[in-house]
Amino acid sequence: MRPGERPLTKPKHVFDSTPLIYLAKTSLLEAALESCEAYTTNSVMKETTENTDYPDAITIKDSIERGLLKIHSPGEAKIKALTRHPEIHLGEAEALASAEELGAYAIIDDKEARAVAELYNIRAHPGTLYVLFRLVAMRKLDAEVAEEKLDQMVDAGLYLDPRTLIAAKNKLRERPVPSKR
């Protein structure tokens, strides 16, 4: 390392349930978790791993057991403040509180939860789509495969309003294909 250079560090992300579930359903969870210092919370862990009839629950549980996804327990005061907002459920409140405590970004799909995060100056990214585009930008996934994974997520139940879905697909289609040398 040269003088004045900072070591490259992975960003810290605290995952809410929806991104974990849909990344697991499409076999992208490991790549997503390896690309960051990944955390979730007890409520999210319970919500996403409780029913082992679902393969994605087993995948998420395995990621926790392997240490790819760490559990953080945030302080009660911030959780209490966040859950006063009726649009925030406990898992989202814990993810936002953990993000604040860890100096991380909350990875959360729910638009209302991100709006509440903004009120409290808690950093948040728009969940599953953010992670998908980040994997493409990091060249862990090419744009064509990312579009297929996005279709799989929507087919599996991920809700995206039609405008967002079309915009995401257009953005993926606009990405230049890396040349092979």
Protein backbone atom coordinates (compact mmCIF):
# COMPACT_ATOMS: atom_id res chain seq x y z
CA MET A 1 0.00 0.00 0.00
CA ARG A 2 1.26 3.46 -0.88
CA PRO A 3 1.51 6.29 1.67
CA GLY A 4 -1.81 8.07 1.97
CA GLU A 5 -3.84 5.17 0.54
CA ARG A 6 -6.59 3.69 2.63
CA PRO A 7 -7.07 -0.06 2.73
CA LEU A 8 -10.09 -1.25 0.80
CA THR A 9 -12.86 -2.19 3.18
CA LYS A 10 -16.15 -3.82 2.49
CA PRO A 11 -19.20 -1.68 3.18
CA LYS A 12 -21.37 -2.62 6.13
CA HIS A 13 -24.92 -3.62 5.27
CA VAL A 14 -27.77 -4.61 7.55
CA PHE A 15 -30.31 -6.74 5.69
CA ASP A 16 -34.04 -6.73 6.24
CA SER A 17 -36.00 -9.89 5.43
CA THR A 18 -37.20 -9.29 1.87
CA PRO A 19 -33.75 -8.84 0.28
CA LEU A 20 -32.45 -11.92 2.11
CA ILE A 21 -35.38 -14.05 0.98
CA TYR A 22 -35.27 -13.10 -2.70
CA LEU A 23 -31.48 -13.21 -2.95
CA ALA A 24 -31.64 -16.71 -1.45
CA LYS A 25 -34.47 -17.78 -3.78
CA THR A 26 -32.32 -16.84 -6.80
CA SER A 27 -28.99 -18.23 -5.56
CA LEU A 28 -27.46 -14.74 -5.19
CA LEU A 29 -27.29 -14.62 -1.40
CA GLU A 30 -23.73 -15.86 -1.01
CA ALA A 31 -22.34 -13.42 -3.60
CA ALA A 32 -24.28 -10.57 -1.99
CA LEU A 33 -23.07 -11.38 1.52
CA GLU A 34 -19.47 -11.88 0.43
CA SER A 35 -19.48 -8.43 -1.18
CA CYS A 36 -19.99 -6.66 2.15
CA GLU A 37 -19.75 -6.95 5.90
CA ALA A 38 -23.24 -8.38 6.30
CA TYR A 39 -25.53 -8.18 9.31
CA THR A 40 -29.13 -8.85 10.14
CA THR A 41 -31.14 -8.86 13.36
CA ASN A 42 -32.84 -11.41 15.59
CA SER A 43 -36.33 -10.58 14.33
CA VAL A 44 -35.26 -10.81 10.71
CA MET A 45 -33.40 -14.05 11.39
CA LYS A 46 -36.50 -15.54 13.00
CA GLU A 47 -38.76 -14.35 10.18
CA THR A 48 -36.50 -15.70 7.44
CA THR A 49 -35.33 -19.00 8.93
CA GLU A 50 -38.22 -20.20 11.08
CA ASN A 51 -40.01 -22.23 8.41
CA THR A 52 -37.47 -24.71 7.08
CA ASP A 53 -40.00 -26.03 4.57
CA TYR A 54 -38.66 -23.26 2.32
CA PRO A 55 -35.25 -23.80 0.71
CA ASP A 56 -34.45 -20.09 1.04
CA ALA A 57 -34.87 -20.37 4.83
CA ILE A 58 -32.26 -23.12 4.91
CA THR A 59 -29.92 -21.05 2.71
CA ILE A 60 -30.22 -18.03 5.01
CA LYS A 61 -29.73 -20.15 8.12
CA ASP A 62 -26.64 -21.72 6.54
CA SER A 63 -25.24 -18.25 5.78
CA ILE A 64 -25.62 -17.33 9.45
CA GLU A 65 -24.01 -20.57 10.62
CA ARG A 66 -21.09 -20.07 8.20
CA GLY A 67 -20.53 -16.54 9.48
CA LEU A 68 -21.35 -14.80 6.19
CA LEU A 69 -24.28 -13.08 7.91
CA LYS A 70 -23.79 -11.83 11.46
CA ILE A 71 -26.56 -11.10 13.95
CA HIS A 72 -26.65 -7.67 15.61
CA SER A 73 -28.93 -6.82 18.52
CA PRO A 74 -29.66 -3.08 18.55
CA GLY A 75 -30.57 -1.03 21.63
CA GLU A 76 -34.18 -0.92 22.71
CA ALA A 77 -34.54 2.89 22.80
CA LYS A 78 -34.11 3.34 19.04
CA ILE A 79 -36.33 0.35 18.28
CA LYS A 80 -39.05 1.83 20.47
CA ALA A 81 -38.77 5.20 18.70
CA LEU A 82 -38.90 3.60 15.25
CA THR A 83 -41.84 1.31 16.01
CA ARG A 84 -43.95 4.34 16.98
CA HIS A 85 -44.31 4.75 13.22
CA PRO A 86 -47.22 2.48 12.24
CA GLU A 87 -45.67 1.65 8.87
CA ILE A 88 -42.60 0.07 10.51
CA HIS A 89 -42.63 -3.50 11.75
CA LEU A 90 -40.16 -4.88 14.28
CA GLY A 91 -37.75 -6.40 11.75
CA GLU A 92 -37.48 -3.13 9.85
CA ALA A 93 -37.03 -1.16 13.09
CA GLU A 94 -34.26 -3.50 14.22
CA ALA A 95 -32.54 -3.32 10.82
CA LEU A 96 -32.65 0.49 10.84
CA ALA A 97 -31.47 0.73 14.46
CA SER A 98 -28.64 -1.71 13.75
CA ALA A 99 -27.59 0.24 10.66
CA GLU A 100 -27.37 3.39 12.74
CA GLU A 101 -25.40 1.70 15.54
CA LEU A 102 -22.99 -0.04 13.16
CA GLY A 103 -22.49 2.94 10.85
CA ALA A 104 -23.93 0.74 8.11
CA TYR A 105 -26.53 0.99 5.38
CA ALA A 106 -29.89 -0.70 5.88
CA ILE A 107 -30.73 -2.87 2.88
CA ILE A 108 -34.49 -2.60 2.90
CA ASP A 109 -37.13 -2.84 0.17
CA ASP A 110 -40.00 -1.11 1.93
CA LYS A 111 -40.30 2.48 0.69
CA GLU A 112 -42.04 3.70 3.84
CA ALA A 113 -39.31 2.20 6.03
CA ARG A 114 -36.66 4.02 3.96
CA ALA A 115 -38.64 7.26 4.39
CA VAL A 116 -38.63 6.75 8.17
CA ALA A 117 -34.89 6.04 7.98
CA GLU A 118 -34.43 9.39 6.28
CA LEU A 119 -36.32 11.13 9.11
CA TYR A 120 -33.78 9.70 11.58
CA ASN A 121 -30.76 10.26 9.29
CA ILE A 122 -30.21 6.52 9.03
CA ARG A 123 -28.56 5.46 5.80
CA ALA A 124 -30.58 3.03 3.69
CA HIS A 125 -30.40 1.55 0.20
CA PRO A 126 -33.41 0.31 -1.78
CA GLY A 127 -32.97 -3.33 -0.92
CA THR A 128 -33.00 -6.13 -3.42
CA LEU A 129 -32.57 -3.97 -6.54
CA TYR A 130 -29.63 -2.14 -4.99
CA VAL A 131 -27.88 -5.44 -4.27
CA LEU A 132 -28.62 -6.78 -7.76
CA PHE A 133 -27.18 -3.67 -9.43
CA ARG A 134 -24.21 -3.68 -7.06
CA LEU A 135 -23.36 -7.25 -8.06
CA VAL A 136 -23.49 -6.20 -11.72
CA ALA A 137 -21.29 -3.15 -11.05
CA MET A 138 -18.79 -5.38 -9.22
CA ARG A 139 -18.82 -7.78 -12.20
CA LYS A 140 -20.00 -10.64 -10.00
CA LEU A 141 -23.03 -10.93 -12.28
CA ASP A 142 -23.53 -9.86 -15.88
CA ALA A 143 -26.50 -7.71 -16.82
CA GLU A 144 -28.25 -10.41 -18.84
CA VAL A 145 -28.14 -12.88 -15.95
CA ALA A 146 -29.19 -10.11 -13.56
CA GLU A 147 -32.30 -9.50 -15.67
CA GLU A 148 -33.10 -13.23 -15.55
CA LYS A 149 -32.63 -13.21 -11.76
CA LEU A 150 -34.91 -10.17 -11.51
CA ASP A 151 -37.61 -12.02 -13.47
CA GLN A 152 -37.19 -15.03 -11.14
CA MET A 153 -37.59 -12.79 -8.10
CA VAL A 154 -40.78 -11.22 -9.48
CA ASP A 155 -42.12 -14.66 -10.42
CA ALA A 156 -41.38 -15.82 -6.85
CA GLY A 157 -43.41 -12.93 -5.39
CA LEU A 158 -41.13 -9.88 -5.11
CA TYR A 159 -43.38 -6.89 -5.64
CA LEU A 160 -42.07 -4.08 -7.79
CA ASP A 161 -44.45 -1.51 -9.20
CA PRO A 162 -44.54 -1.69 -13.01
CA ARG A 163 -42.59 1.57 -13.46
CA THR A 164 -39.77 0.42 -11.21
CA LEU A 165 -39.59 -2.97 -12.90
CA ILE A 166 -39.44 -1.44 -16.39
CA ALA A 167 -36.84 1.12 -15.29
CA ALA A 168 -34.69 -1.61 -13.70
CA LYS A 169 -34.83 -3.76 -16.82
CA ASN A 170 -34.01 -0.79 -19.05
CA LYS A 171 -31.05 0.10 -16.85
CA LEU A 172 -29.75 -3.46 -17.05
CA ARG A 173 -30.17 -3.48 -20.84
CA GLU A 174 -28.23 -0.21 -21.14
CA ARG A 175 -25.15 -1.60 -19.37
CA PRO A 176 -22.28 -2.11 -21.78
CA VAL A 177 -21.17 -5.69 -22.25
CA PRO A 178 -17.57 -6.06 -21.05
CA SER A 179 -15.19 -6.91 -23.86
CA LYS A 180 -13.33 -10.21 -23.66
CA ARG A 181 -9.63 -9.80 -24.31
